[in-house]
Amino acid sequence: MNNAPTTPVSAPEKPQKEKRSLRDWLGDIYELAEMLGIVSVTIMLLFAFVIRLNIVDGHSMDMTLTHGEYLAVSDLFYDPEPGDIVIVHKINADPYDAPIVKRVIATEGQVVDIDFATWTLTVDGKVIDEPYRYVDDGPRLTSDWTFPVTVGENEIFVMGDNRNNSADSRTSEIGMIDERCVVGKAYVRIFPMQKFEVFKNPREN
């Protein structure tokens, strides 16, 4: 029988947590504040030079957009395309000389025709599917132009989605919109938050 003495085995010691000094905590707080500062400055620069906030005023875009909603708008590297939602500001379009939100229907050189009896829209002879279009049961709003019309050079033809309640390119006071009057494209609805949406162009599907 082996009576050799056994060597006691001690339990491993728990690693002690390194105590952090006040200097360490202050360093972390400084780094966090620096990061928040950079993020804040970046956001301010974006909204100053890249993104604008526009508030929907009125009901010409019902049911797509509602009065009082906030849109993120930008004109950076933007050329208007049919189907886009845009903000336009035609300062000589009295009494519609404030920024307005509309949808691009056609661009330079395209031919627009509207059958006001059926609300059928054609562009260059092609019937356009408009899932966004809303027409209420009120008096039918037509136009003081004679259709079809051809969009002029560097111009766009716009309409509100709420076809019976929209002053747009169908009226001579607004008419065709010079592309230089396009404030930008509405990319995102950011408020109210429960209706946050990144807009897709239905004409690109």
C-alpha atoms as a PDB file:
ATOM      1  CA  MET A   1       0.000   0.000   0.000  1.00  0.00           C
ATOM      2  CA  ASN A   2       1.368   3.373  -1.066  1.00  0.00           C
ATOM      3  CA  ASN A   3       1.509   5.736   1.911  1.00  0.00           C
ATOM      4  CA  ALA A   4       3.250   8.533   0.027  1.00  0.00           C
ATOM      5  CA  PRO A   5       2.151  11.927   1.258  1.00  0.00           C
ATOM      6  CA  THR A   6      -0.235  13.755  -1.056  1.00  0.00           C
ATOM      7  CA  THR A   7       0.270  17.317  -2.126  1.00  0.00           C
ATOM      8  CA  PRO A   8      -2.725  19.498  -1.287  1.00  0.00           C
ATOM      9  CA  VAL A   9      -4.308  21.156  -4.289  1.00  0.00           C
ATOM     10  CA  SER A  10      -5.496  24.686  -3.743  1.00  0.00           C
ATOM     11  CA  ALA A  11      -8.565  26.109  -5.514  1.00  0.00           C
ATOM     12  CA  PRO A  12      -7.738  28.610  -8.287  1.00  0.00           C
ATOM     13  CA  GLU A  13      -8.039  32.172  -7.174  1.00  0.00           C
ATOM     14  CA  LYS A  14     -10.731  34.291  -8.759  1.00  0.00           C
ATOM     15  CA  PRO A  15      -9.239  36.969 -10.974  1.00  0.00           C
ATOM     16  CA  GLN A  16      -9.603  40.302  -9.333  1.00  0.00           C
ATOM     17  CA  LYS A  17     -11.325  42.981 -11.312  1.00  0.00           C
ATOM     18  CA  GLU A  18      -9.039  45.793 -12.168  1.00  0.00           C
ATOM     19  CA  LYS A  19     -10.087  48.873 -10.309  1.00  0.00           C
ATOM     20  CA  ARG A  20     -10.732  51.801 -12.614  1.00  0.00           C
ATOM     21  CA  SER A  21      -9.492  55.174 -11.628  1.00  0.00           C
ATOM     22  CA  LEU A  22     -11.373  58.436 -11.927  1.00  0.00           C
ATOM     23  CA  ARG A  23      -9.044  59.257 -14.803  1.00  0.00           C
ATOM     24  CA  ASP A  24     -10.215  56.150 -16.689  1.00  0.00           C
ATOM     25  CA  TRP A  25     -13.875  57.091 -16.234  1.00  0.00           C
ATOM     26  CA  LEU A  26     -13.232  60.648 -17.344  1.00  0.00           C
ATOM     27  CA  GLY A  27     -11.415  59.332 -20.409  1.00  0.00           C
ATOM     28  CA  ASP A  28     -14.433  57.194 -21.362  1.00  0.00           C
ATOM     29  CA  ILE A  29     -16.793  60.117 -20.880  1.00  0.00           C
ATOM     30  CA  TYR A  30     -14.567  62.320 -23.046  1.00  0.00           C
ATOM     31  CA  GLU A  31     -14.492  59.726 -25.852  1.00  0.00           C
ATOM     32  CA  LEU A  32     -18.276  59.364 -25.721  1.00  0.00           C
ATOM     33  CA  ALA A  33     -18.768  63.138 -25.816  1.00  0.00           C
ATOM     34  CA  GLU A  34     -16.319  63.406 -28.723  1.00  0.00           C
ATOM     35  CA  MET A  35     -18.205  60.737 -30.671  1.00  0.00           C
ATOM     36  CA  LEU A  36     -21.573  62.395 -30.017  1.00  0.00           C
ATOM     37  CA  GLY A  37     -20.100  65.723 -31.079  1.00  0.00           C
ATOM     38  CA  ILE A  38     -18.872  64.292 -34.380  1.00  0.00           C
ATOM     39  CA  VAL A  39     -22.267  62.676 -35.040  1.00  0.00           C
ATOM     40  CA  SER A  40     -24.079  65.930 -34.222  1.00  0.00           C
ATOM     41  CA  VAL A  41     -21.847  67.995 -36.514  1.00  0.00           C
ATOM     42  CA  THR A  42     -22.265  65.439 -39.315  1.00  0.00           C
ATOM     43  CA  ILE A  43     -26.051  65.556 -38.992  1.00  0.00           C
ATOM     44  CA  MET A  44     -26.042  69.372 -38.971  1.00  0.00           C
ATOM     45  CA  LEU A  45     -23.869  69.475 -42.091  1.00  0.00           C
ATOM     46  CA  LEU A  46     -26.143  66.992 -43.839  1.00  0.00           C
ATOM     47  CA  PHE A  47     -29.221  69.064 -43.113  1.00  0.00           C
ATOM     48  CA  ALA A  48     -27.427  72.292 -43.991  1.00  0.00           C
ATOM     49  CA  PHE A  49     -25.975  71.254 -47.349  1.00  0.00           C
ATOM     50  CA  VAL A  50     -27.474  67.927 -48.458  1.00  0.00           C
ATOM     51  CA  ILE A  51     -30.897  67.321 -46.925  1.00  0.00           C
ATOM     52  CA  ARG A  52     -33.756  69.755 -46.398  1.00  0.00           C
ATOM     53  CA  LEU A  53     -36.830  69.263 -44.261  1.00  0.00           C
ATOM     54  CA  ASN A  54     -40.120  70.157 -45.913  1.00  0.00           C
ATOM     55  CA  ILE A  55     -43.566  70.083 -44.352  1.00  0.00           C
ATOM     56  CA  VAL A  56     -46.534  68.963 -46.437  1.00  0.00           C
ATOM     57  CA  ASP A  57     -48.940  71.902 -46.638  1.00  0.00           C
ATOM     58  CA  GLY A  58     -52.424  71.091 -47.879  1.00  0.00           C
ATOM     59  CA  HIS A  59     -54.174  68.034 -49.274  1.00  0.00           C
ATOM     60  CA  SER A  60     -53.121  67.885 -52.926  1.00  0.00           C
ATOM     61  CA  MET A  61     -51.136  64.678 -52.313  1.00  0.00           C
ATOM     62  CA  ASP A  62     -53.789  62.783 -50.347  1.00  0.00           C
ATOM     63  CA  MET A  63     -53.715  59.781 -49.828  1.00  0.00           C
ATOM     64  CA  THR A  64     -49.978  59.427 -50.460  1.00  0.00           C
ATOM     65  CA  LEU A  65     -49.026  62.291 -48.158  1.00  0.00           C
ATOM     66  CA  THR A  66     -50.990  64.052 -45.441  1.00  0.00           C
ATOM     67  CA  HIS A  67     -50.995  67.678 -44.341  1.00  0.00           C
ATOM     68  CA  GLY A  68     -48.340  68.327 -41.677  1.00  0.00           C
ATOM     69  CA  GLU A  69     -46.022  65.413 -42.476  1.00  0.00           C
ATOM     70  CA  TYR A  70     -42.253  65.991 -42.597  1.00  0.00           C
ATOM     71  CA  LEU A  71     -40.244  64.979 -45.660  1.00  0.00           C
ATOM     72  CA  ALA A  72     -36.483  64.649 -46.156  1.00  0.00           C
ATOM     73  CA  VAL A  73     -35.674  66.290 -49.487  1.00  0.00           C
ATOM     74  CA  SER A  74     -32.439  66.552 -51.467  1.00  0.00           C
ATOM     75  CA  ASP A  75     -31.362  67.846 -54.869  1.00  0.00           C
ATOM     76  CA  LEU A  76     -27.850  66.397 -54.688  1.00  0.00           C
ATOM     77  CA  PHE A  77     -27.014  64.822 -58.084  1.00  0.00           C
ATOM     78  CA  TYR A  78     -30.743  64.768 -58.853  1.00  0.00           C
ATOM     79  CA  ASP A  79     -32.463  64.895 -62.226  1.00  0.00           C
ATOM     80  CA  PRO A  80     -36.282  64.671 -62.181  1.00  0.00           C
ATOM     81  CA  GLU A  81     -37.738  61.351 -63.279  1.00  0.00           C
ATOM     82  CA  PRO A  82     -41.410  60.519 -63.987  1.00  0.00           C
ATOM     83  CA  GLY A  83     -43.001  59.076 -60.858  1.00  0.00           C
ATOM     84  CA  ASP A  84     -40.801  60.973 -58.372  1.00  0.00           C
ATOM     85  CA  ILE A  85     -42.307  63.056 -55.576  1.00  0.00           C
ATOM     86  CA  VAL A  86     -40.706  66.495 -55.701  1.00  0.00           C
ATOM     87  CA  ILE A  87     -40.840  69.890 -54.031  1.00  0.00           C
ATOM     88  CA  VAL A  88     -41.118  72.735 -56.536  1.00  0.00           C
ATOM     89  CA  HIS A  89     -40.964  76.477 -55.940  1.00  0.00           C
ATOM     90  CA  LYS A  90     -42.124  78.591 -58.846  1.00  0.00           C
ATOM     91  CA  ILE A  91     -41.920  82.105 -57.450  1.00  0.00           C
ATOM     92  CA  ASN A  92     -43.900  83.704 -60.295  1.00  0.00           C
ATOM     93  CA  ALA A  93     -46.857  81.322 -60.008  1.00  0.00           C
ATOM     94  CA  ASP A  94     -49.085  83.665 -57.987  1.00  0.00           C
ATOM     95  CA  PRO A  95     -51.089  82.674 -55.936  1.00  0.00           C
ATOM     96  CA  TYR A  96     -49.174  79.348 -55.862  1.00  0.00           C
ATOM     97  CA  ASP A  97     -45.735  80.893 -55.333  1.00  0.00           C
ATOM     98  CA  ALA A  98     -44.871  78.953 -52.155  1.00  0.00           C
ATOM     99  CA  PRO A  99     -43.036  75.592 -52.243  1.00  0.00           C
ATOM    100  CA  ILE A 100     -45.460  72.815 -53.207  1.00  0.00           C
ATOM    101  CA  VAL A 101     -45.177  69.042 -53.269  1.00  0.00           C
ATOM    102  CA  LYS A 102     -46.235  67.204 -56.442  1.00  0.00           C
ATOM    103  CA  ARG A 103     -45.475  64.116 -58.499  1.00  0.00           C
ATOM    104  CA  VAL A 104     -43.472  64.265 -61.729  1.00  0.00           C
ATOM    105  CA  ILE A 105     -45.676  63.070 -64.577  1.00  0.00           C
ATOM    106  CA  ALA A 106     -43.442  63.768 -67.565  1.00  0.00           C
ATOM    107  CA  THR A 107     -40.123  65.376 -68.472  1.00  0.00           C
ATOM    108  CA  GLU A 108     -38.667  67.309 -71.395  1.00  0.00           C
ATOM    109  CA  GLY A 109     -40.059  66.340 -74.805  1.00  0.00           C
ATOM    110  CA  GLN A 110     -42.702  63.923 -73.534  1.00  0.00           C
ATOM    111  CA  VAL A 111     -46.318  64.260 -74.641  1.00  0.00           C
ATOM    112  CA  VAL A 112     -48.985  64.244 -71.907  1.00  0.00           C
ATOM    113  CA  ASP A 113     -52.654  63.512 -72.483  1.00  0.00           C
ATOM    114  CA  ILE A 114     -55.440  63.163 -69.916  1.00  0.00           C
ATOM    115  CA  ASP A 115     -58.932  61.753 -70.412  1.00  0.00           C
ATOM    116  CA  PHE A 116     -60.800  63.644 -67.697  1.00  0.00           C
ATOM    117  CA  ALA A 117     -63.881  61.441 -68.075  1.00  0.00           C
ATOM    118  CA  THR A 118     -61.967  58.340 -66.956  1.00  0.00           C
ATOM    119  CA  TRP A 119     -58.841  59.989 -65.438  1.00  0.00           C
ATOM    120  CA  THR A 120     -56.738  57.959 -67.848  1.00  0.00           C
ATOM    121  CA  LEU A 121     -53.221  59.400 -68.141  1.00  0.00           C
ATOM    122  CA  THR A 122     -51.066  58.708 -71.163  1.00  0.00           C
ATOM    123  CA  VAL A 123     -47.464  59.752 -71.735  1.00  0.00           C
ATOM    124  CA  ASP A 124     -46.059  59.380 -75.241  1.00  0.00           C
ATOM    125  CA  GLY A 125     -49.150  57.379 -76.113  1.00  0.00           C
ATOM    126  CA  LYS A 126     -48.668  54.863 -73.295  1.00  0.00           C
ATOM    127  CA  VAL A 127     -51.306  54.492 -70.580  1.00  0.00           C
ATOM    128  CA  ILE A 128     -49.689  55.058 -67.170  1.00  0.00           C
ATOM    129  CA  ASP A 129     -50.701  52.877 -64.241  1.00  0.00           C
ATOM    130  CA  GLU A 130     -51.197  55.174 -61.256  1.00  0.00           C
ATOM    131  CA  PRO A 131     -51.798  53.186 -58.048  1.00  0.00           C
ATOM    132  CA  TYR A 132     -51.180  56.375 -56.039  1.00  0.00           C
ATOM    133  CA  ARG A 133     -53.952  58.381 -57.752  1.00  0.00           C
ATOM    134  CA  TYR A 134     -56.899  59.443 -55.585  1.00  0.00           C
ATOM    135  CA  VAL A 135     -60.143  60.894 -56.933  1.00  0.00           C
ATOM    136  CA  ASP A 136     -62.951  61.888 -54.573  1.00  0.00           C
ATOM    137  CA  ASP A 137     -66.621  62.309 -55.431  1.00  0.00           C
ATOM    138  CA  GLY A 138     -66.485  66.091 -55.629  1.00  0.00           C
ATOM    139  CA  PRO A 139     -66.755  68.288 -58.732  1.00  0.00           C
ATOM    140  CA  ARG A 140     -64.368  67.103 -61.434  1.00  0.00           C
ATOM    141  CA  LEU A 141     -61.276  69.296 -61.721  1.00  0.00           C
ATOM    142  CA  THR A 142     -60.091  69.484 -65.315  1.00  0.00           C
ATOM    143  CA  SER A 143     -57.678  71.964 -66.904  1.00  0.00           C
ATOM    144  CA  ASP A 144     -57.461  75.281 -68.697  1.00  0.00           C
ATOM    145  CA  TRP A 145     -54.907  73.783 -71.123  1.00  0.00           C
ATOM    146  CA  THR A 146     -55.800  71.958 -74.310  1.00  0.00           C
ATOM    147  CA  PHE A 147     -54.483  68.401 -74.273  1.00  0.00           C
ATOM    148  CA  PRO A 148     -52.326  66.708 -75.409  1.00  0.00           C
ATOM    149  CA  VAL A 149     -49.389  68.929 -74.422  1.00  0.00           C
ATOM    150  CA  THR A 150     -45.664  68.562 -75.022  1.00  0.00           C
ATOM    151  CA  VAL A 151     -43.318  69.274 -72.125  1.00  0.00           C
ATOM    152  CA  GLY A 152     -40.875  72.043 -72.991  1.00  0.00           C
ATOM    153  CA  GLU A 153     -37.091  72.035 -72.887  1.00  0.00           C
ATOM    154  CA  ASN A 154     -35.675  71.718 -69.334  1.00  0.00           C
ATOM    155  CA  GLU A 155     -39.212  71.529 -67.941  1.00  0.00           C
ATOM    156  CA  ILE A 156     -41.358  68.971 -66.135  1.00  0.00           C
ATOM    157  CA  PHE A 157     -45.106  68.354 -65.924  1.00  0.00           C
ATOM    158  CA  VAL A 158     -46.361  67.733 -62.378  1.00  0.00           C
ATOM    159  CA  MET A 159     -49.654  66.791 -60.745  1.00  0.00           C
ATOM    160  CA  GLY A 160     -50.899  66.116 -57.240  1.00  0.00           C
ATOM    161  CA  ASP A 161     -52.027  62.580 -56.440  1.00  0.00           C
ATOM    162  CA  ASN A 162     -55.352  63.990 -55.212  1.00  0.00           C
ATOM    163  CA  ARG A 163     -56.538  64.811 -58.718  1.00  0.00           C
ATOM    164  CA  ASN A 164     -59.696  66.668 -57.754  1.00  0.00           C
ATOM    165  CA  ASN A 165     -57.940  68.918 -55.242  1.00  0.00           C
ATOM    166  CA  SER A 166     -54.598  69.936 -56.709  1.00  0.00           C
ATOM    167  CA  ALA A 167     -53.296  73.069 -58.358  1.00  0.00           C
ATOM    168  CA  ASP A 168     -50.547  71.809 -60.657  1.00  0.00           C
ATOM    169  CA  SER A 169     -49.361  71.801 -64.276  1.00  0.00           C
ATOM    170  CA  ARG A 170     -52.974  71.545 -65.445  1.00  0.00           C
ATOM    171  CA  THR A 171     -53.475  75.192 -64.434  1.00  0.00           C
ATOM    172  CA  SER A 172     -51.994  78.069 -66.419  1.00  0.00           C
ATOM    173  CA  GLU A 173     -50.896  79.787 -63.171  1.00  0.00           C
ATOM    174  CA  ILE A 174     -48.432  76.939 -62.540  1.00  0.00           C
ATOM    175  CA  GLY A 175     -48.082  75.230 -65.906  1.00  0.00           C
ATOM    176  CA  MET A 176     -44.831  73.529 -66.836  1.00  0.00           C
ATOM    177  CA  ILE A 177     -42.132  73.710 -64.178  1.00  0.00           C
ATOM    178  CA  ASP A 178     -38.621  74.827 -65.054  1.00  0.00           C
ATOM    179  CA  GLU A 179     -36.204  72.235 -63.640  1.00  0.00           C
ATOM    180  CA  ARG A 180     -34.376  75.066 -61.880  1.00  0.00           C
ATOM    181  CA  CYS A 181     -37.505  75.481 -59.743  1.00  0.00           C
ATOM    182  CA  VAL A 182     -37.204  71.931 -58.395  1.00  0.00           C
ATOM    183  CA  VAL A 183     -36.092  72.201 -54.764  1.00  0.00           C
ATOM    184  CA  GLY A 184     -35.411  68.482 -54.622  1.00  0.00           C
ATOM    185  CA  LYS A 185     -36.789  64.978 -54.518  1.00  0.00           C
ATOM    186  CA  ALA A 186     -38.670  63.720 -51.446  1.00  0.00           C
ATOM    187  CA  TYR A 187     -36.810  60.579 -50.406  1.00  0.00           C
ATOM    188  CA  VAL A 188     -38.206  59.824 -46.967  1.00  0.00           C
ATOM    189  CA  ARG A 189     -41.215  60.617 -44.791  1.00  0.00           C
ATOM    190  CA  ILE A 190     -39.630  61.044 -41.369  1.00  0.00           C
ATOM    191  CA  PHE A 191     -42.557  62.266 -39.275  1.00  0.00           C
ATOM    192  CA  PRO A 192     -44.874  61.086 -37.851  1.00  0.00           C
ATOM    193  CA  MET A 193     -42.536  58.287 -36.872  1.00  0.00           C
ATOM    194  CA  GLN A 194     -45.190  55.568 -37.177  1.00  0.00           C
ATOM    195  CA  LYS A 195     -45.529  56.475 -40.869  1.00  0.00           C
ATOM    196  CA  PHE A 196     -41.789  56.514 -41.610  1.00  0.00           C
ATOM    197  CA  GLU A 197     -41.314  55.511 -45.228  1.00  0.00           C
ATOM    198  CA  VAL A 198     -38.611  55.516 -47.869  1.00  0.00           C
ATOM    199  CA  PHE A 199     -40.411  56.441 -51.083  1.00  0.00           C
ATOM    200  CA  LYS A 200     -40.154  54.182 -54.117  1.00  0.00           C
ATOM    201  CA  ASN A 201     -40.848  55.353 -57.635  1.00  0.00           C
ATOM    202  CA  PRO A 202     -43.844  53.311 -58.891  1.00  0.00           C
ATOM    203  CA  ARG A 203     -42.823  53.957 -62.488  1.00  0.00           C
ATOM    204  CA  GLU A 204     -39.573  52.059 -61.941  1.00  0.00           C
ATOM    205  CA  ASN A 205     -41.218  48.769 -60.950  1.00  0.00           C
END
